[in-house]
């Protein structure tokens, strides 16, 4: 079913857009409200116009109840046609502007709701960020404590390694001295053995060093007493 705007319906009938809108508000004319070029707008069909008697084929239906500030029909007929058309155009422009303002208001309400939702989301993000900062601070403090304990442990191990190195050096010195003493004793024993062999070959044993008591006492002038 073909739908037409109120302006198109006014062009097809002998009634103005304002009159058609009054019939719609009174329930005499069925219409459908849709989003038009400048906002919400009424759309009617030829069948609805025929049912309301506004198609121009029947008698003029009884006028719809006038609104308090609506322009009365006698006054409309008493006005010049040019002035009436100008007023009607101004009225339509005001309606279009009202529709635009209303659409802008609805858009502003939607934007306000979206802004509130974004603000709530920002607050939640800030709370999560604060919790993450606290958690990071705790983990950082724990890691620093572990690093400090590890440094102390490394220092203790380094001191133990230094002490073990000193002990190893002392053991090496003792081992070297023991090897040197053993070498000297073995060399001395070999020399004495060779001296015995040489003494046996020459027929005389090895000369023992004479003691101090067996040495002759030198004679100091005069005869000894009898």
N, C-alpha and C. Protein backbone atom coordinates (compact mmCIF):
# COMPACT_ATOMS: atom_id res chain seq x y z
N UNK A 1 0.86 -1.19 0.00
CA UNK A 1 0.00 0.00 0.00
C UNK A 1 0.90 1.24 0.00
N UNK A 2 0.59 2.16 -0.92
CA UNK A 2 1.42 3.34 -1.07
C UNK A 2 1.18 4.32 0.08
N UNK A 3 2.27 4.81 0.64
CA UNK A 3 2.19 5.77 1.71
C UNK A 3 2.64 7.13 1.20
N UNK A 4 2.06 8.20 1.74
CA UNK A 4 2.41 9.55 1.32
C UNK A 4 2.52 10.42 2.56
N UNK A 5 3.31 11.46 2.43
CA UNK A 5 3.46 12.41 3.52
C UNK A 5 2.22 13.29 3.61
N UNK A 6 2.14 14.05 4.70
CA UNK A 6 1.01 14.95 4.87
C UNK A 6 0.99 16.04 3.81
N UNK A 7 2.16 16.49 3.39
CA UNK A 7 2.22 17.51 2.34
C UNK A 7 1.67 16.95 1.03
N UNK A 8 2.07 15.70 0.70
CA UNK A 8 1.54 15.09 -0.53
C UNK A 8 0.03 14.85 -0.41
N UNK A 9 -0.42 14.45 0.79
CA UNK A 9 -1.85 14.25 0.98
C UNK A 9 -2.62 15.56 0.87
N UNK A 10 -2.01 16.67 1.36
CA UNK A 10 -2.66 17.98 1.24
C UNK A 10 -2.76 18.41 -0.22
N UNK A 11 -1.75 18.06 -1.02
CA UNK A 11 -1.81 18.41 -2.44
C UNK A 11 -2.90 17.61 -3.17
N UNK A 12 -3.17 16.38 -2.71
CA UNK A 12 -4.18 15.56 -3.36
C UNK A 12 -5.59 15.90 -2.88
N UNK A 13 -5.71 16.45 -1.69
CA UNK A 13 -7.03 16.78 -1.14
C UNK A 13 -7.17 18.29 -1.06
N UNK A 14 -8.29 18.72 -0.55
CA UNK A 14 -8.57 20.15 -0.40
C UNK A 14 -8.30 20.64 1.01
N UNK A 15 -7.58 19.87 1.78
CA UNK A 15 -7.33 20.22 3.16
C UNK A 15 -5.85 20.52 3.36
N UNK A 16 -5.57 21.32 4.35
CA UNK A 16 -4.19 21.70 4.65
C UNK A 16 -3.52 20.62 5.51
N UNK A 17 -2.21 20.78 5.63
CA UNK A 17 -1.45 19.84 6.46
C UNK A 17 -1.88 19.95 7.92
N UNK A 18 -2.19 21.17 8.36
CA UNK A 18 -2.62 21.36 9.75
C UNK A 18 -3.94 20.63 10.01
N UNK A 19 -4.88 20.74 9.04
CA UNK A 19 -6.15 20.04 9.20
C UNK A 19 -5.97 18.54 9.24
N UNK A 20 -5.13 18.03 8.35
CA UNK A 20 -4.87 16.59 8.36
C UNK A 20 -4.24 16.14 9.67
N UNK A 21 -3.37 16.98 10.21
CA UNK A 21 -2.73 16.62 11.48
C UNK A 21 -3.75 16.64 12.61
N UNK A 22 -4.70 17.57 12.57
CA UNK A 22 -5.75 17.59 13.60
C UNK A 22 -6.61 16.34 13.52
N UNK A 23 -6.92 15.90 12.28
CA UNK A 23 -7.71 14.68 12.13
C UNK A 23 -6.93 13.46 12.66
N UNK A 24 -5.64 13.46 12.45
CA UNK A 24 -4.82 12.34 12.97
C UNK A 24 -4.84 12.34 14.49
N UNK A 25 -4.70 13.51 15.11
CA UNK A 25 -4.68 13.58 16.57
C UNK A 25 -6.04 13.24 17.17
N UNK A 26 -7.11 13.56 16.45
CA UNK A 26 -8.45 13.23 16.96
C UNK A 26 -8.82 11.77 16.71
N UNK A 27 -8.02 11.05 15.92
CA UNK A 27 -8.32 9.66 15.65
C UNK A 27 -9.19 9.43 14.43
N UNK A 28 -9.58 10.48 13.74
CA UNK A 28 -10.42 10.33 12.55
C UNK A 28 -9.63 9.82 11.36
N UNK A 29 -8.35 10.07 11.33
CA UNK A 29 -7.50 9.68 10.20
C UNK A 29 -6.39 8.77 10.72
N UNK A 30 -6.31 7.58 10.13
CA UNK A 30 -5.24 6.64 10.51
C UNK A 30 -3.96 7.04 9.79
N UNK A 31 -2.86 7.07 10.54
CA UNK A 31 -1.56 7.45 10.00
C UNK A 31 -0.47 6.64 10.69
N UNK A 32 0.65 6.59 10.04
CA UNK A 32 1.83 5.87 10.57
C UNK A 32 2.98 6.85 10.72
N UNK A 33 3.58 6.80 11.88
CA UNK A 33 4.68 7.73 12.15
C UNK A 33 6.02 7.05 11.87
N UNK A 34 6.79 7.67 10.99
CA UNK A 34 8.09 7.12 10.63
C UNK A 34 9.14 8.23 10.70
N UNK A 35 10.39 7.80 10.58
CA UNK A 35 11.49 8.76 10.54
C UNK A 35 11.59 9.31 9.13
N UNK A 36 11.43 10.61 8.98
CA UNK A 36 11.54 11.24 7.68
C UNK A 36 12.87 11.94 7.52
N UNK A 37 12.89 12.88 6.63
CA UNK A 37 14.13 13.59 6.32
C UNK A 37 14.58 14.47 7.48
N UNK A 38 13.60 15.07 8.18
CA UNK A 38 13.93 16.00 9.26
C UNK A 38 13.46 15.48 10.62
N UNK A 39 13.23 14.23 10.73
CA UNK A 39 12.80 13.67 11.99
C UNK A 39 11.52 12.86 11.84
N UNK A 40 10.83 12.57 12.95
CA UNK A 40 9.58 11.81 12.88
C UNK A 40 8.53 12.55 12.04
N UNK A 41 7.83 11.81 11.21
CA UNK A 41 6.86 12.41 10.29
C UNK A 41 5.70 11.43 10.07
N UNK A 42 4.49 11.97 9.86
CA UNK A 42 3.30 11.15 9.62
C UNK A 42 3.22 10.76 8.15
N UNK A 43 2.80 9.50 7.92
CA UNK A 43 2.55 8.99 6.57
C UNK A 43 1.14 8.39 6.56
N UNK A 44 0.38 8.69 5.50
CA UNK A 44 -1.00 8.21 5.36
C UNK A 44 -1.14 7.51 4.01
N UNK A 45 -2.20 6.74 3.88
CA UNK A 45 -2.50 6.03 2.64
C UNK A 45 -3.80 6.57 2.04
N UNK A 46 -4.02 6.27 0.75
CA UNK A 46 -5.25 6.70 0.09
C UNK A 46 -6.48 6.05 0.73
N UNK A 47 -6.33 4.81 1.16
CA UNK A 47 -7.46 4.13 1.81
C UNK A 47 -7.83 4.82 3.10
N UNK A 48 -6.82 5.25 3.88
CA UNK A 48 -7.11 5.95 5.13
C UNK A 48 -7.79 7.28 4.86
N UNK A 49 -7.36 7.98 3.78
CA UNK A 49 -8.01 9.24 3.42
C UNK A 49 -9.46 9.01 3.01
N UNK A 50 -9.70 7.92 2.25
CA UNK A 50 -11.07 7.62 1.81
C UNK A 50 -11.94 7.26 3.00
N UNK A 51 -11.40 6.47 3.95
CA UNK A 51 -12.18 6.11 5.12
C UNK A 51 -12.54 7.32 5.97
N UNK A 52 -11.62 8.30 6.01
CA UNK A 52 -11.90 9.51 6.77
C UNK A 52 -12.71 10.52 5.99
N UNK A 53 -13.02 10.24 4.69
CA UNK A 53 -13.78 11.18 3.87
C UNK A 53 -12.98 12.38 3.44
N UNK A 54 -11.68 12.24 3.35
CA UNK A 54 -10.81 13.35 2.99
C UNK A 54 -10.23 13.21 1.59
N UNK A 55 -10.80 12.31 0.78
CA UNK A 55 -10.26 12.11 -0.55
C UNK A 55 -10.89 13.06 -1.56
N UNK A 56 -11.87 13.88 -1.14
CA UNK A 56 -12.48 14.87 -2.04
C UNK A 56 -13.63 14.33 -2.84
N UNK A 57 -13.98 13.05 -2.73
CA UNK A 57 -15.05 12.47 -3.52
C UNK A 57 -16.38 12.55 -2.80
N UNK A 58 -16.38 12.62 -1.53
CA UNK A 58 -17.62 12.69 -0.77
C UNK A 58 -17.86 14.09 -0.26
N UNK A 59 -18.83 14.18 0.61
CA UNK A 59 -19.12 15.47 1.22
C UNK A 59 -18.05 15.81 2.23
N UNK A 60 -17.94 17.07 2.49
CA UNK A 60 -16.96 17.54 3.47
C UNK A 60 -17.35 17.02 4.84
N UNK A 61 -16.51 16.23 5.49
CA UNK A 61 -16.84 15.66 6.79
C UNK A 61 -16.89 16.75 7.84
N UNK A 62 -17.52 16.45 8.93
CA UNK A 62 -17.58 17.46 9.99
C UNK A 62 -16.17 17.75 10.49
N UNK A 63 -15.91 19.01 10.77
CA UNK A 63 -14.55 19.38 11.18
C UNK A 63 -14.16 18.70 12.49
N UNK A 64 -12.90 18.44 12.60
CA UNK A 64 -12.37 17.82 13.82
C UNK A 64 -12.38 18.83 14.94
N UNK A 65 -12.38 18.35 16.17
CA UNK A 65 -12.37 19.28 17.31
C UNK A 65 -11.17 20.19 17.23
N UNK A 66 -11.45 21.47 17.38
CA UNK A 66 -10.37 22.45 17.31
C UNK A 66 -9.56 22.42 18.60
N UNK A 67 -8.26 22.60 18.44
CA UNK A 67 -7.37 22.73 19.59
C UNK A 67 -7.44 24.14 20.10
N UNK A 68 -7.02 24.38 21.30
CA UNK A 68 -7.19 25.72 21.89
C UNK A 68 -6.56 26.81 21.06
N UNK A 69 -5.39 26.55 20.50
CA UNK A 69 -4.69 27.60 19.78
C UNK A 69 -4.75 27.38 18.29
N UNK A 70 -5.60 26.50 17.82
CA UNK A 70 -5.69 26.26 16.39
C UNK A 70 -6.44 27.40 15.70
N UNK A 71 -6.16 27.57 14.43
CA UNK A 71 -6.79 28.64 13.66
C UNK A 71 -8.18 28.17 13.24
N UNK A 72 -9.24 28.92 13.60
CA UNK A 72 -10.62 28.53 13.28
C UNK A 72 -10.86 28.66 11.79
N UNK A 73 -11.80 27.83 11.31
CA UNK A 73 -12.08 27.82 9.86
C UNK A 73 -12.63 29.15 9.37
N UNK A 74 -13.58 29.81 10.08
CA UNK A 74 -14.06 31.11 9.59
C UNK A 74 -12.95 32.12 9.46
N UNK A 75 -12.04 32.13 10.46
CA UNK A 75 -10.91 33.06 10.39
C UNK A 75 -10.00 32.70 9.23
N UNK A 76 -9.83 31.41 8.95
CA UNK A 76 -8.98 31.00 7.83
C UNK A 76 -9.58 31.47 6.52
N UNK A 77 -10.94 31.36 6.43
CA UNK A 77 -11.57 31.78 5.18
C UNK A 77 -11.54 33.29 5.03
N UNK A 78 -11.50 34.02 6.14
CA UNK A 78 -11.48 35.48 6.06
C UNK A 78 -10.10 36.03 5.75
N UNK A 79 -9.04 35.20 5.90
CA UNK A 79 -7.70 35.66 5.61
C UNK A 79 -7.42 35.61 4.12
N UNK A 80 -6.54 36.50 3.64
CA UNK A 80 -6.12 36.40 2.24
C UNK A 80 -5.39 35.09 2.00
N UNK A 81 -5.53 34.58 0.78
CA UNK A 81 -4.94 33.29 0.46
C UNK A 81 -3.43 33.32 0.56
N UNK A 82 -2.82 34.41 0.10
CA UNK A 82 -1.35 34.51 0.15
C UNK A 82 -0.86 34.52 1.60
N UNK A 83 -1.57 35.27 2.46
CA UNK A 83 -1.16 35.30 3.87
C UNK A 83 -1.36 33.95 4.51
N UNK A 84 -2.47 33.31 4.17
CA UNK A 84 -2.73 31.99 4.73
C UNK A 84 -1.66 30.98 4.31
N UNK A 85 -1.28 31.02 3.03
CA UNK A 85 -0.24 30.12 2.54
C UNK A 85 1.10 30.42 3.20
N UNK A 86 1.38 31.72 3.39
CA UNK A 86 2.64 32.09 4.05
C UNK A 86 2.65 31.60 5.49
N UNK A 87 1.52 31.80 6.19
CA UNK A 87 1.43 31.30 7.57
C UNK A 87 1.54 29.78 7.63
N UNK A 88 0.91 29.13 6.66
CA UNK A 88 1.00 27.68 6.62
C UNK A 88 2.42 27.23 6.38
N UNK A 89 3.15 27.91 5.49
CA UNK A 89 4.55 27.57 5.22
C UNK A 89 5.41 27.80 6.47
N UNK A 90 5.15 28.94 7.16
CA UNK A 90 5.89 29.20 8.40
C UNK A 90 5.60 28.12 9.43
N UNK A 91 4.33 27.71 9.47
CA UNK A 91 3.97 26.66 10.42
C UNK A 91 4.69 25.36 10.09
N UNK A 92 4.76 25.04 8.81
CA UNK A 92 5.46 23.82 8.42
C UNK A 92 6.94 23.92 8.73
N UNK A 93 7.52 25.11 8.51
CA UNK A 93 8.94 25.29 8.83
C UNK A 93 9.19 25.14 10.33
N UNK A 94 8.26 25.69 11.11
CA UNK A 94 8.40 25.53 12.56
C UNK A 94 8.30 24.07 12.97
N UNK A 95 7.38 23.35 12.32
CA UNK A 95 7.26 21.93 12.63
C UNK A 95 8.53 21.18 12.25
N UNK A 96 9.08 21.53 11.07
CA UNK A 96 10.34 20.89 10.66
C UNK A 96 11.45 21.21 11.64
N UNK A 97 11.54 22.49 12.04
CA UNK A 97 12.57 22.87 13.01
C UNK A 97 12.34 22.18 14.35
N UNK A 98 11.07 22.08 14.74
CA UNK A 98 10.78 21.36 15.98
C UNK A 98 11.21 19.90 15.89
N UNK A 99 10.94 19.30 14.70
CA UNK A 99 11.38 17.92 14.53
C UNK A 99 12.89 17.79 14.59
N UNK A 100 13.58 18.76 14.00
CA UNK A 100 15.04 18.73 14.05
C UNK A 100 15.54 18.92 15.47
N UNK A 101 14.91 19.88 16.18
CA UNK A 101 15.33 20.11 17.57
C UNK A 101 15.05 18.88 18.42
N UNK A 102 13.89 18.26 18.17
CA UNK A 102 13.55 17.07 18.94
C UNK A 102 14.52 15.93 18.64
N UNK A 103 14.83 15.78 17.33
CA UNK A 103 15.81 14.74 16.99
C UNK A 103 17.16 15.04 17.61
N UNK A 104 17.53 16.36 17.59
CA UNK A 104 18.79 16.73 18.24
C UNK A 104 18.76 16.47 19.73
N UNK A 105 17.59 16.73 20.37
CA UNK A 105 17.47 16.46 21.79
C UNK A 105 17.59 14.97 22.10
N UNK A 106 16.93 14.16 21.25
CA UNK A 106 17.05 12.71 21.45
C UNK A 106 18.49 12.26 21.28
N UNK A 107 19.14 12.85 20.26
CA UNK A 107 20.54 12.50 20.06
C UNK A 107 21.39 12.94 21.24
N UNK A 108 21.07 14.15 21.78
CA UNK A 108 21.81 14.63 22.95
C UNK A 108 21.59 13.71 24.14
N UNK A 109 20.35 13.22 24.31
CA UNK A 109 20.08 12.29 25.42
C UNK A 109 20.86 10.99 25.23
N UNK A 110 20.90 10.51 23.99
CA UNK A 110 21.67 9.29 23.72
C UNK A 110 23.16 9.52 23.99
N UNK A 111 23.65 10.69 23.56
CA UNK A 111 25.06 11.00 23.80
C UNK A 111 25.35 11.14 25.30
N UNK A 112 24.39 11.73 26.03
CA UNK A 112 24.57 11.86 27.47
C UNK A 112 24.63 10.49 28.15
N UNK A 113 23.73 9.60 27.72
CA UNK A 113 23.75 8.25 28.28
C UNK A 113 25.06 7.53 27.92
N UNK A 114 25.49 7.73 26.67
CA UNK A 114 26.77 7.12 26.25
C UNK A 114 27.92 7.69 27.06
N UNK A 115 27.86 9.03 27.31
CA UNK A 115 28.91 9.66 28.10
C UNK A 115 28.93 9.12 29.53
N UNK A 116 27.76 8.94 30.12
CA UNK A 116 27.71 8.39 31.47
C UNK A 116 28.27 6.96 31.50
N UNK A 117 27.92 6.19 30.46
CA UNK A 117 28.46 4.82 30.40
C UNK A 117 29.98 4.84 30.27
N UNK A 118 30.47 5.77 29.43
CA UNK A 118 31.93 5.86 29.28
C UNK A 118 32.60 6.31 30.58
N UNK A 119 31.95 7.23 31.29
CA UNK A 119 32.51 7.66 32.57
C UNK A 119 32.57 6.50 33.57
N UNK A 120 31.49 5.71 33.60
CA UNK A 120 31.51 4.54 34.48
C UNK A 120 32.61 3.57 34.10
N UNK A 121 32.80 3.38 32.78
CA UNK A 121 33.86 2.49 32.32
C UNK A 121 35.23 3.04 32.70
N UNK A 122 35.40 4.37 32.59
CA UNK A 122 36.68 4.99 32.97
C UNK A 122 36.94 4.80 34.46
N UNK A 123 35.90 4.95 35.27
CA UNK A 123 36.08 4.75 36.72
C UNK A 123 36.48 3.31 37.02
N UNK A 124 35.84 2.36 36.34
CA UNK A 124 36.22 0.96 36.55
C UNK A 124 37.66 0.72 36.12
N UNK A 125 38.06 1.31 35.00
CA UNK A 125 39.45 1.16 34.55
C UNK A 125 40.42 1.77 35.54
N UNK A 126 40.04 2.91 36.13
CA UNK A 126 40.91 3.53 37.13
C UNK A 126 41.04 2.64 38.36
N UNK A 127 39.94 2.06 38.80
CA UNK A 127 40.01 1.15 39.95
C UNK A 127 40.89 -0.06 39.64
N UNK A 128 40.72 -0.64 38.45
CA UNK A 128 41.56 -1.77 38.07
C UNK A 128 43.03 -1.36 37.99
N UNK A 129 43.29 -0.15 37.45
CA UNK A 129 44.67 0.33 37.38
C UNK A 129 45.27 0.52 38.77
N UNK A 130 44.46 1.04 39.71
CA UNK A 130 44.96 1.21 41.08
C UNK A 130 45.28 -0.14 41.71
N UNK A 131 44.41 -1.12 41.50
CA UNK A 131 44.68 -2.46 42.04
C UNK A 131 45.93 -3.06 41.41
N UNK A 132 46.11 -2.86 40.11
CA UNK A 132 47.30 -3.37 39.45
C UNK A 132 48.56 -2.70 39.97
N UNK A 133 48.49 -1.38 40.25
CA UNK A 133 49.65 -0.68 40.80
C UNK A 133 50.01 -1.23 42.18
N UNK A 134 48.99 -1.43 43.02
CA UNK A 134 49.27 -1.99 44.35
C UNK A 134 49.89 -3.38 44.25
N UNK A 135 49.34 -4.21 43.36
CA UNK A 135 49.87 -5.55 43.18
C UNK A 135 51.30 -5.50 42.67
N UNK A 136 51.57 -4.60 41.73
CA UNK A 136 52.92 -4.46 41.20
C UNK A 136 53.89 -3.99 42.27
N UNK A 137 53.43 -3.06 43.14
CA UNK A 137 54.30 -2.59 44.22
C UNK A 137 54.64 -3.73 45.18
N UNK A 138 53.63 -4.55 45.54
CA UNK A 138 53.91 -5.68 46.43
C UNK A 138 54.87 -6.67 45.79
N UNK A 139 54.63 -7.02 44.54
CA UNK A 139 55.52 -7.96 43.87
C UNK A 139 56.93 -7.40 43.72
N UNK A 140 57.04 -6.09 43.47
CA UNK A 140 58.36 -5.47 43.35
C UNK A 140 59.11 -5.51 44.68
N UNK A 141 58.39 -5.22 45.77
CA UNK A 141 59.03 -5.29 47.09
C UNK A 141 59.48 -6.72 47.41
N UNK A 142 58.66 -7.70 47.07
CA UNK A 142 59.04 -9.10 47.31
C UNK A 142 60.26 -9.48 46.48
N UNK A 143 60.28 -9.04 45.22
CA UNK A 143 61.43 -9.35 44.37
C UNK A 143 62.71 -8.68 44.88
N UNK A 144 62.57 -7.43 45.34
CA UNK A 144 63.76 -6.76 45.90
C UNK A 144 64.27 -7.48 47.14
N UNK A 145 63.37 -7.97 47.99
CA UNK A 145 63.79 -8.73 49.17
C UNK A 145 64.51 -10.01 48.75
N UNK A 146 63.97 -10.69 47.75
CA UNK A 146 64.63 -11.91 47.28
C UNK A 146 66.00 -11.61 46.70
N UNK A 147 66.11 -10.50 45.96
CA UNK A 147 67.40 -10.13 45.38
C UNK A 147 68.40 -9.81 46.48
N UNK A 148 67.94 -9.11 47.54
CA UNK A 148 68.83 -8.79 48.65
C UNK A 148 69.30 -10.08 49.35
N UNK A 149 68.38 -11.01 49.57
CA UNK A 149 68.77 -12.28 50.19
C UNK A 149 69.72 -13.06 49.30
N UNK A 150 69.47 -13.03 47.98
CA UNK A 150 70.37 -13.72 47.06
C UNK A 150 71.76 -13.09 47.08
N UNK A 151 71.82 -11.73 47.16
CA UNK A 151 73.12 -11.06 47.22
C UNK A 151 73.88 -11.45 48.49
N UNK A 152 73.15 -11.50 49.63
CA UNK A 152 73.81 -11.91 50.87
C UNK A 152 74.30 -13.36 50.78
N UNK A 153 73.49 -14.21 50.19
CA UNK A 153 73.91 -15.60 50.02
C UNK A 153 75.13 -15.72 49.13
N UNK A 154 75.16 -14.91 48.06
CA UNK A 154 76.32 -14.93 47.18
C UNK A 154 77.58 -14.44 47.90
N UNK A 155 77.42 -13.40 48.74
CA UNK A 155 78.57 -12.93 49.50
C UNK A 155 79.08 -14.02 50.45
N UNK A 156 78.14 -14.72 51.13
CA UNK A 156 78.57 -15.81 52.01
C UNK A 156 79.27 -16.92 51.24
N UNK A 157 78.72 -17.27 50.06
CA UNK A 157 79.38 -18.31 49.25
C UNK A 157 80.75 -17.85 48.79
N UNK A 158 80.88 -16.55 48.45
CA UNK A 158 82.18 -16.04 48.02
C UNK A 158 83.19 -16.13 49.16
N UNK A 159 82.74 -15.82 50.39
CA UNK A 159 83.64 -15.94 51.55
C UNK A 159 84.03 -17.40 51.78
N UNK A 160 83.08 -18.32 51.64
CA UNK A 160 83.39 -19.74 51.79
C UNK A 160 84.39 -20.19 50.73
N UNK A 161 84.19 -19.72 49.49
CA UNK A 161 85.13 -20.08 48.41
C UNK A 161 86.52 -19.55 48.72
N UNK A 162 86.61 -18.29 49.23
CA UNK A 162 87.92 -17.73 49.57
C UNK A 162 88.58 -18.55 50.68
N UNK A 163 87.80 -18.96 51.70
CA UNK A 163 88.38 -19.77 52.78
C UNK A 163 88.85 -21.13 52.25
N UNK A 164 88.07 -21.74 51.37
CA UNK A 164 88.48 -23.02 50.79
C UNK A 164 89.74 -22.87 49.96
N UNK A 165 89.86 -21.75 49.26
CA UNK A 165 91.08 -21.52 48.48
C UNK A 165 92.29 -21.39 49.39
N UNK A 166 92.12 -20.69 50.53
CA UNK A 166 93.23 -20.57 51.49
C UNK A 166 93.61 -21.93 52.04
N UNK A 167 92.61 -22.75 52.37
CA UNK A 167 92.91 -24.10 52.86
C UNK A 167 93.62 -24.92 51.79
N UNK A 168 93.16 -24.81 50.56
CA UNK A 168 93.80 -25.54 49.47
C UNK A 168 95.24 -25.10 49.28
N UNK A 169 95.47 -23.77 49.40
CA UNK A 169 96.85 -23.28 49.28
C UNK A 169 97.72 -23.82 50.41
N UNK A 170 97.15 -23.87 51.64
CA UNK A 170 97.92 -24.40 52.78
C UNK A 170 98.22 -25.88 52.57
N UNK A 171 97.24 -26.63 52.09
CA UNK A 171 97.47 -28.05 51.81
C UNK A 171 98.54 -28.24 50.75
N UNK A 172 98.53 -27.38 49.73
CA UNK A 172 99.55 -27.47 48.69
C UNK A 172 100.93 -27.18 49.26
N UNK A 173 101.02 -26.17 50.16
CA UNK A 173 102.31 -25.87 50.79
C UNK A 173 102.79 -27.04 51.64
N UNK A 174 101.88 -27.63 52.44
CA UNK A 174 102.27 -28.77 53.26
C UNK A 174 102.72 -29.94 52.39
N UNK A 175 101.95 -30.17 51.31
CA UNK A 175 102.34 -31.27 50.43
C UNK A 175 103.69 -31.02 49.79
N UNK A 176 103.94 -29.76 49.39
CA UNK A 176 105.23 -29.44 48.78
C UNK A 176 106.37 -29.59 49.78
N UNK A 177 106.16 -29.15 51.03
CA UNK A 177 107.21 -29.30 52.05
C UNK A 177 107.45 -30.77 52.37
N UNK A 178 106.37 -31.55 52.42
CA UNK A 178 106.55 -32.97 52.70
C UNK A 178 107.34 -33.64 51.59
N UNK A 179 107.05 -33.30 50.36
CA UNK A 179 107.79 -33.89 49.23
C UNK A 179 109.25 -33.46 49.28
N UNK A 180 109.49 -32.18 49.63
CA UNK A 180 110.88 -31.68 49.69
C UNK A 180 111.66 -32.39 50.79
N UNK A 181 111.07 -32.55 51.99
CA UNK A 181 111.76 -33.24 53.10
C UNK A 181 112.04 -34.69 52.74
N UNK A 182 111.06 -35.34 52.14
CA UNK A 182 111.26 -36.72 51.75
C UNK A 182 112.37 -36.85 50.70
N UNK A 183 112.42 -35.91 49.80
CA UNK A 183 113.47 -35.94 48.77
C UNK A 183 114.85 -35.73 49.38
N UNK A 184 114.96 -34.78 50.34
CA UNK A 184 116.27 -34.53 50.98
C UNK A 184 116.72 -35.77 51.76
N UNK A 185 115.80 -36.37 52.52
CA UNK A 185 116.17 -37.55 53.31
C UNK A 185 116.60 -38.70 52.40
N UNK A 186 115.87 -38.86 51.29
CA UNK A 186 116.26 -39.95 50.39
C UNK A 186 117.62 -39.68 49.76
N UNK A 187 117.91 -38.42 49.43
CA UNK A 187 119.22 -38.08 48.88
C UNK A 187 120.34 -38.30 49.91
N UNK A 188 120.07 -37.88 51.17
CA UNK A 188 121.07 -38.07 52.22
C UNK A 188 121.34 -39.55 52.47
N UNK A 189 120.28 -40.37 52.44
CA UNK A 189 120.46 -41.81 52.64
C UNK A 189 121.26 -42.41 51.48
N UNK A 190 121.02 -41.92 50.26
CA UNK A 190 121.78 -42.43 49.11
C UNK A 190 123.25 -42.07 49.24
N UNK A 191 123.57 -40.85 49.74
CA UNK A 191 124.97 -40.43 49.91
C UNK A 191 125.65 -41.29 50.96
N UNK A 192 125.01 -41.54 52.05
CA UNK A 192 125.59 -42.38 53.10
C UNK A 192 125.82 -43.80 52.61
N UNK A 193 124.88 -44.28 51.81
CA UNK A 193 125.05 -45.61 51.26
C UNK A 193 126.27 -45.68 50.34
N UNK A 194 126.43 -44.64 49.53
CA UNK A 194 127.59 -44.60 48.64
C UNK A 194 128.88 -44.50 49.44
N UNK A 195 128.87 -43.74 50.55
CA UNK A 195 130.06 -43.63 51.40
C UNK A 195 130.42 -44.99 52.01
N UNK A 196 129.42 -45.78 52.42
CA UNK A 196 129.71 -47.11 52.95
C UNK A 196 130.34 -48.00 51.88
N UNK A 197 129.75 -47.90 50.72
CA UNK A 197 130.29 -48.73 49.64
C UNK A 197 131.73 -48.36 49.37
N UNK A 198 132.02 -47.07 49.33
CA UNK A 198 133.40 -46.62 49.08
C UNK A 198 134.31 -47.06 50.22
N UNK A 199 133.83 -46.99 51.46
CA UNK A 199 134.65 -47.42 52.60
C UNK A 199 134.92 -48.90 52.56
N UNK A 200 133.96 -49.70 52.16
CA UNK A 200 134.18 -51.13 52.08
C UNK A 200 135.19 -51.48 51.00
N UNK A 201 135.14 -50.75 49.90
CA UNK A 201 136.09 -51.00 48.83
C UNK A 201 137.50 -50.60 49.22
N UNK A 202 137.69 -49.58 50.06
CA UNK A 202 139.03 -49.10 50.46
C UNK A 202 139.55 -49.85 51.68
N UNK A 203 138.81 -50.70 52.33
CA UNK A 203 139.24 -51.48 53.47
C UNK A 203 139.09 -50.76 54.77
N UNK A 204 138.68 -49.63 54.76
CA UNK A 204 138.47 -48.87 56.00
C UNK A 204 137.03 -48.44 56.08
N UNK A 205 136.57 -48.64 57.23
CA UNK A 205 135.18 -48.26 57.42
C UNK A 205 135.01 -46.76 57.40
N UNK A 206 133.97 -46.40 57.45
CA UNK A 206 133.73 -44.94 57.48
C UNK A 206 134.25 -44.35 58.76
N UNK A 207 134.96 -43.23 58.62
CA UNK A 207 135.54 -42.55 59.76
C UNK A 207 134.47 -41.89 60.57
N UNK A 208 134.56 -42.28 61.84
CA UNK A 208 133.62 -41.66 62.75
C UNK A 208 134.26 -40.41 63.30
N UNK A 209 133.61 -39.41 63.45
CA UNK A 209 134.20 -38.20 64.05
C UNK A 209 134.54 -38.46 65.51
N UNK A 210 135.82 -38.03 65.83
CA UNK A 210 136.30 -38.24 67.20
C UNK A 210 135.61 -37.29 68.15
N UNK A 211 135.42 -37.87 69.35
CA UNK A 211 134.76 -37.05 70.36
C UNK A 211 135.73 -36.08 70.96
N UNK A 212 135.25 -35.16 71.66
CA UNK A 212 136.08 -34.11 72.26
C UNK A 212 136.91 -34.65 73.42
N UNK A 213 136.44 -35.75 74.09
CA UNK A 213 137.17 -36.30 75.25
C UNK A 213 138.42 -37.05 74.85
N UNK A 214 138.46 -37.64 73.63
CA UNK A 214 139.62 -38.43 73.20
C UNK A 214 140.71 -37.59 72.60
N UNK A 215 140.51 -36.31 72.45
CA UNK A 215 141.57 -35.46 71.89
C UNK A 215 142.70 -35.29 72.91
N UNK A 216 144.07 -35.32 72.52
CA UNK A 216 145.20 -35.14 73.47
C UNK A 216 145.21 -33.75 74.03
N UNK A 217 145.53 -33.66 75.31
CA UNK A 217 145.61 -32.37 76.00
C UNK A 217 146.99 -31.82 75.77
N UNK A 218 147.12 -30.66 75.32
CA UNK A 218 148.47 -30.08 75.06
C UNK A 218 149.21 -29.87 76.37
N UNK A 219 150.62 -30.10 76.36
CA UNK A 219 151.48 -29.99 77.55
C UNK A 219 151.95 -28.56 77.68
N UNK A 220 151.71 -27.99 78.86
CA UNK A 220 152.10 -26.62 79.11
C UNK A 220 153.36 -26.61 79.96
N UNK A 221 154.51 -26.45 79.60
CA UNK A 221 155.84 -26.34 80.24
C UNK A 221 155.93 -26.91 81.65
N UNK A 222 157.14 -27.41 82.09
CA UNK A 222 157.40 -27.96 83.45
C UNK A 222 156.95 -29.39 83.56
N UNK A 223 157.45 -30.08 84.49
CA UNK A 223 157.11 -31.48 84.73
C UNK A 223 155.93 -31.53 85.62
N UNK A 224 155.21 -32.53 85.49
CA UNK A 224 154.09 -32.73 86.39
C UNK A 224 154.56 -33.15 87.77
N UNK A 225 153.77 -32.85 88.72
CA UNK A 225 154.13 -33.21 90.09
C UNK A 225 154.03 -34.69 90.25
N UNK A 226 155.01 -35.27 91.06
CA UNK A 226 155.05 -36.70 91.39
C UNK A 226 154.27 -36.92 92.62
